[in-house]
């Protein structure tokens, strides 16, 4: 299984890690990385295990999510033919949902 991160998803992930390291602590940021790796590993084994993202239900493609931590969602989609998981975004649910919708145009 191949995993591809979109540039914006990588940027948002780095922002989340930086914020977490500065406000909560570097050990928690390290834990986030470990959790994300575990979640991505699970997605690769069971790509349909994530919950369908309700904010993106009207899109042509099926977007799913898994929580990395309480309010941090890893949004992805799976291309069965290419056997590829695309990490579309890392979204903090404290943010305005419009942020997510605008990023998925």
C-alpha atoms as a PDB file:
ATOM      1  CA  UNK A   1       0.000   0.000   0.000  1.00  0.00           C
ATOM      2  CA  UNK A   2       1.276   3.443  -0.912  1.00  0.00           C
ATOM      3  CA  UNK A   3       0.608   6.535   1.238  1.00  0.00           C
ATOM      4  CA  UNK A   4       0.765   9.976  -0.348  1.00  0.00           C
ATOM      5  CA  UNK A   5       0.477  13.210   1.619  1.00  0.00           C
ATOM      6  CA  UNK A   6      -0.842  16.301  -0.102  1.00  0.00           C
ATOM      7  CA  UNK A   7       1.295  19.385   0.503  1.00  0.00           C
ATOM      8  CA  UNK A   8      -1.418  21.217   2.416  1.00  0.00           C
ATOM      9  CA  UNK A   9      -1.992  18.180   4.635  1.00  0.00           C
ATOM     10  CA  UNK A  10       1.718  18.079   5.456  1.00  0.00           C
ATOM     11  CA  UNK A  11       1.704  21.795   6.251  1.00  0.00           C
ATOM     12  CA  UNK A  12      -1.298  21.438   8.558  1.00  0.00           C
ATOM     13  CA  UNK A  13       0.298  18.431  10.261  1.00  0.00           C
ATOM     14  CA  UNK A  14       3.510  20.345  10.921  1.00  0.00           C
ATOM     15  CA  UNK A  15       1.471  23.294  12.253  1.00  0.00           C
ATOM     16  CA  UNK A  16      -0.377  20.969  14.643  1.00  0.00           C
ATOM     17  CA  UNK A  17       2.875  19.412  15.852  1.00  0.00           C
ATOM     18  CA  UNK A  18       4.531  22.806  16.347  1.00  0.00           C
ATOM     19  CA  UNK A  19       1.537  24.167  18.238  1.00  0.00           C
ATOM     20  CA  UNK A  20       1.358  21.075  20.405  1.00  0.00           C
ATOM     21  CA  UNK A  21       5.090  21.147  21.168  1.00  0.00           C
ATOM     22  CA  UNK A  22       4.950  24.833  22.148  1.00  0.00           C
ATOM     23  CA  UNK A  23       1.755  24.757  24.205  1.00  0.00           C
ATOM     24  CA  UNK A  24       1.571  21.266  25.687  1.00  0.00           C
ATOM     25  CA  UNK A  25       5.057  19.855  25.358  1.00  0.00           C
ATOM     26  CA  UNK A  26       7.389  18.056  23.037  1.00  0.00           C
ATOM     27  CA  UNK A  27       6.642  14.674  24.571  1.00  0.00           C
ATOM     28  CA  UNK A  28       2.971  15.056  23.586  1.00  0.00           C
ATOM     29  CA  UNK A  29       4.008  16.097  20.062  1.00  0.00           C
ATOM     30  CA  UNK A  30       6.135  12.939  19.867  1.00  0.00           C
ATOM     31  CA  UNK A  31       3.138  10.924  21.026  1.00  0.00           C
ATOM     32  CA  UNK A  32       1.059  12.500  18.243  1.00  0.00           C
ATOM     33  CA  UNK A  33       3.592  11.340  15.675  1.00  0.00           C
ATOM     34  CA  UNK A  34       3.474   7.815  17.084  1.00  0.00           C
ATOM     35  CA  UNK A  35      -0.343   7.800  17.055  1.00  0.00           C
ATOM     36  CA  UNK A  36      -0.459   9.135  13.492  1.00  0.00           C
ATOM     37  CA  UNK A  37       1.914   6.400  12.340  1.00  0.00           C
ATOM     38  CA  UNK A  38      -0.279   3.775  14.016  1.00  0.00           C
ATOM     39  CA  UNK A  39      -3.443   5.195  12.455  1.00  0.00           C
ATOM     40  CA  UNK A  40      -1.879   5.347   8.993  1.00  0.00           C
ATOM     41  CA  UNK A  41      -0.682   1.763   9.377  1.00  0.00           C
ATOM     42  CA  UNK A  42      -4.241   0.707  10.254  1.00  0.00           C
ATOM     43  CA  UNK A  43      -5.653   2.656   7.303  1.00  0.00           C
ATOM     44  CA  UNK A  44      -3.219   0.890   4.976  1.00  0.00           C
ATOM     45  CA  UNK A  45      -4.397  -2.493   6.237  1.00  0.00           C
ATOM     46  CA  UNK A  46      -8.084  -1.558   6.413  1.00  0.00           C
ATOM     47  CA  UNK A  47      -8.672   1.509   4.203  1.00  0.00           C
ATOM     48  CA  UNK A  48     -12.422   1.585   4.786  1.00  0.00           C
ATOM     49  CA  UNK A  49     -12.066   1.495   8.578  1.00  0.00           C
ATOM     50  CA  UNK A  50     -12.206   5.271   8.916  1.00  0.00           C
ATOM     51  CA  UNK A  51     -15.510   7.065   9.376  1.00  0.00           C
ATOM     52  CA  UNK A  52     -16.959   8.913   6.386  1.00  0.00           C
ATOM     53  CA  UNK A  53     -16.427  12.641   6.817  1.00  0.00           C
ATOM     54  CA  UNK A  54     -19.935  14.153   7.060  1.00  0.00           C
ATOM     55  CA  UNK A  55     -18.786  17.625   6.008  1.00  0.00           C
ATOM     56  CA  UNK A  56     -17.549  16.159   2.711  1.00  0.00           C
ATOM     57  CA  UNK A  57     -20.407  13.754   1.997  1.00  0.00           C
ATOM     58  CA  UNK A  58     -21.499  15.720  -1.090  1.00  0.00           C
ATOM     59  CA  UNK A  59     -18.135  15.271  -2.806  1.00  0.00           C
ATOM     60  CA  UNK A  60     -17.728  12.805  -5.649  1.00  0.00           C
ATOM     61  CA  UNK A  61     -14.949  10.957  -3.831  1.00  0.00           C
ATOM     62  CA  UNK A  62     -15.384   9.256  -0.485  1.00  0.00           C
ATOM     63  CA  UNK A  63     -13.434  11.024   2.247  1.00  0.00           C
ATOM     64  CA  UNK A  64     -12.853   9.291   5.558  1.00  0.00           C
ATOM     65  CA  UNK A  65     -11.222  10.296   8.806  1.00  0.00           C
ATOM     66  CA  UNK A  66      -9.582   8.889  11.884  1.00  0.00           C
ATOM     67  CA  UNK A  67      -8.855  10.834  15.022  1.00  0.00           C
ATOM     68  CA  UNK A  68      -5.173  11.144  15.851  1.00  0.00           C
ATOM     69  CA  UNK A  69      -6.045  12.839  19.128  1.00  0.00           C
ATOM     70  CA  UNK A  70      -9.243  14.239  20.619  1.00  0.00           C
ATOM     71  CA  UNK A  71      -9.771  17.013  18.093  1.00  0.00           C
ATOM     72  CA  UNK A  72      -7.230  16.267  15.382  1.00  0.00           C
ATOM     73  CA  UNK A  73      -8.627  14.464  12.367  1.00  0.00           C
ATOM     74  CA  UNK A  74      -6.586  12.861   9.645  1.00  0.00           C
ATOM     75  CA  UNK A  75      -8.744  13.152   6.505  1.00  0.00           C
ATOM     76  CA  UNK A  76      -7.989  10.663   3.742  1.00  0.00           C
ATOM     77  CA  UNK A  77      -9.335   8.898   0.713  1.00  0.00           C
ATOM     78  CA  UNK A  78      -8.453   5.530  -0.763  1.00  0.00           C
ATOM     79  CA  UNK A  79      -7.951   4.634  -4.415  1.00  0.00           C
ATOM     80  CA  UNK A  80      -8.508   0.902  -4.626  1.00  0.00           C
ATOM     81  CA  UNK A  81      -7.275   0.608  -8.203  1.00  0.00           C
ATOM     82  CA  UNK A  82      -3.952   2.311  -7.406  1.00  0.00           C
ATOM     83  CA  UNK A  83      -3.785   0.797  -3.909  1.00  0.00           C
ATOM     84  CA  UNK A  84      -2.996   4.261  -2.588  1.00  0.00           C
ATOM     85  CA  UNK A  85      -4.114   6.137   0.509  1.00  0.00           C
ATOM     86  CA  UNK A  86      -4.128   9.903  -0.009  1.00  0.00           C
ATOM     87  CA  UNK A  87      -3.784  11.989   3.140  1.00  0.00           C
ATOM     88  CA  UNK A  88      -5.879  14.998   2.181  1.00  0.00           C
ATOM     89  CA  UNK A  89      -5.765  17.085   5.345  1.00  0.00           C
ATOM     90  CA  UNK A  90      -5.028  17.179   9.039  1.00  0.00           C
ATOM     91  CA  UNK A  91      -7.797  19.191  10.596  1.00  0.00           C
ATOM     92  CA  UNK A  92      -8.271  20.488  14.119  1.00  0.00           C
ATOM     93  CA  UNK A  93     -12.006  20.318  14.746  1.00  0.00           C
ATOM     94  CA  UNK A  94     -11.807  23.468  16.867  1.00  0.00           C
ATOM     95  CA  UNK A  95     -11.388  25.337  13.594  1.00  0.00           C
ATOM     96  CA  UNK A  96     -14.232  26.671  11.483  1.00  0.00           C
ATOM     97  CA  UNK A  97     -15.601  23.831   9.288  1.00  0.00           C
ATOM     98  CA  UNK A  98     -15.438  26.202   6.338  1.00  0.00           C
ATOM     99  CA  UNK A  99     -11.666  25.750   6.489  1.00  0.00           C
ATOM    100  CA  UNK A 100     -12.054  22.068   5.670  1.00  0.00           C
ATOM    101  CA  UNK A 101     -14.616  22.637   2.944  1.00  0.00           C
ATOM    102  CA  UNK A 102     -12.489  25.269   1.224  1.00  0.00           C
ATOM    103  CA  UNK A 103      -9.460  23.000   1.293  1.00  0.00           C
ATOM    104  CA  UNK A 104     -11.312  20.199  -0.492  1.00  0.00           C
ATOM    105  CA  UNK A 105     -12.482  22.063  -3.580  1.00  0.00           C
END
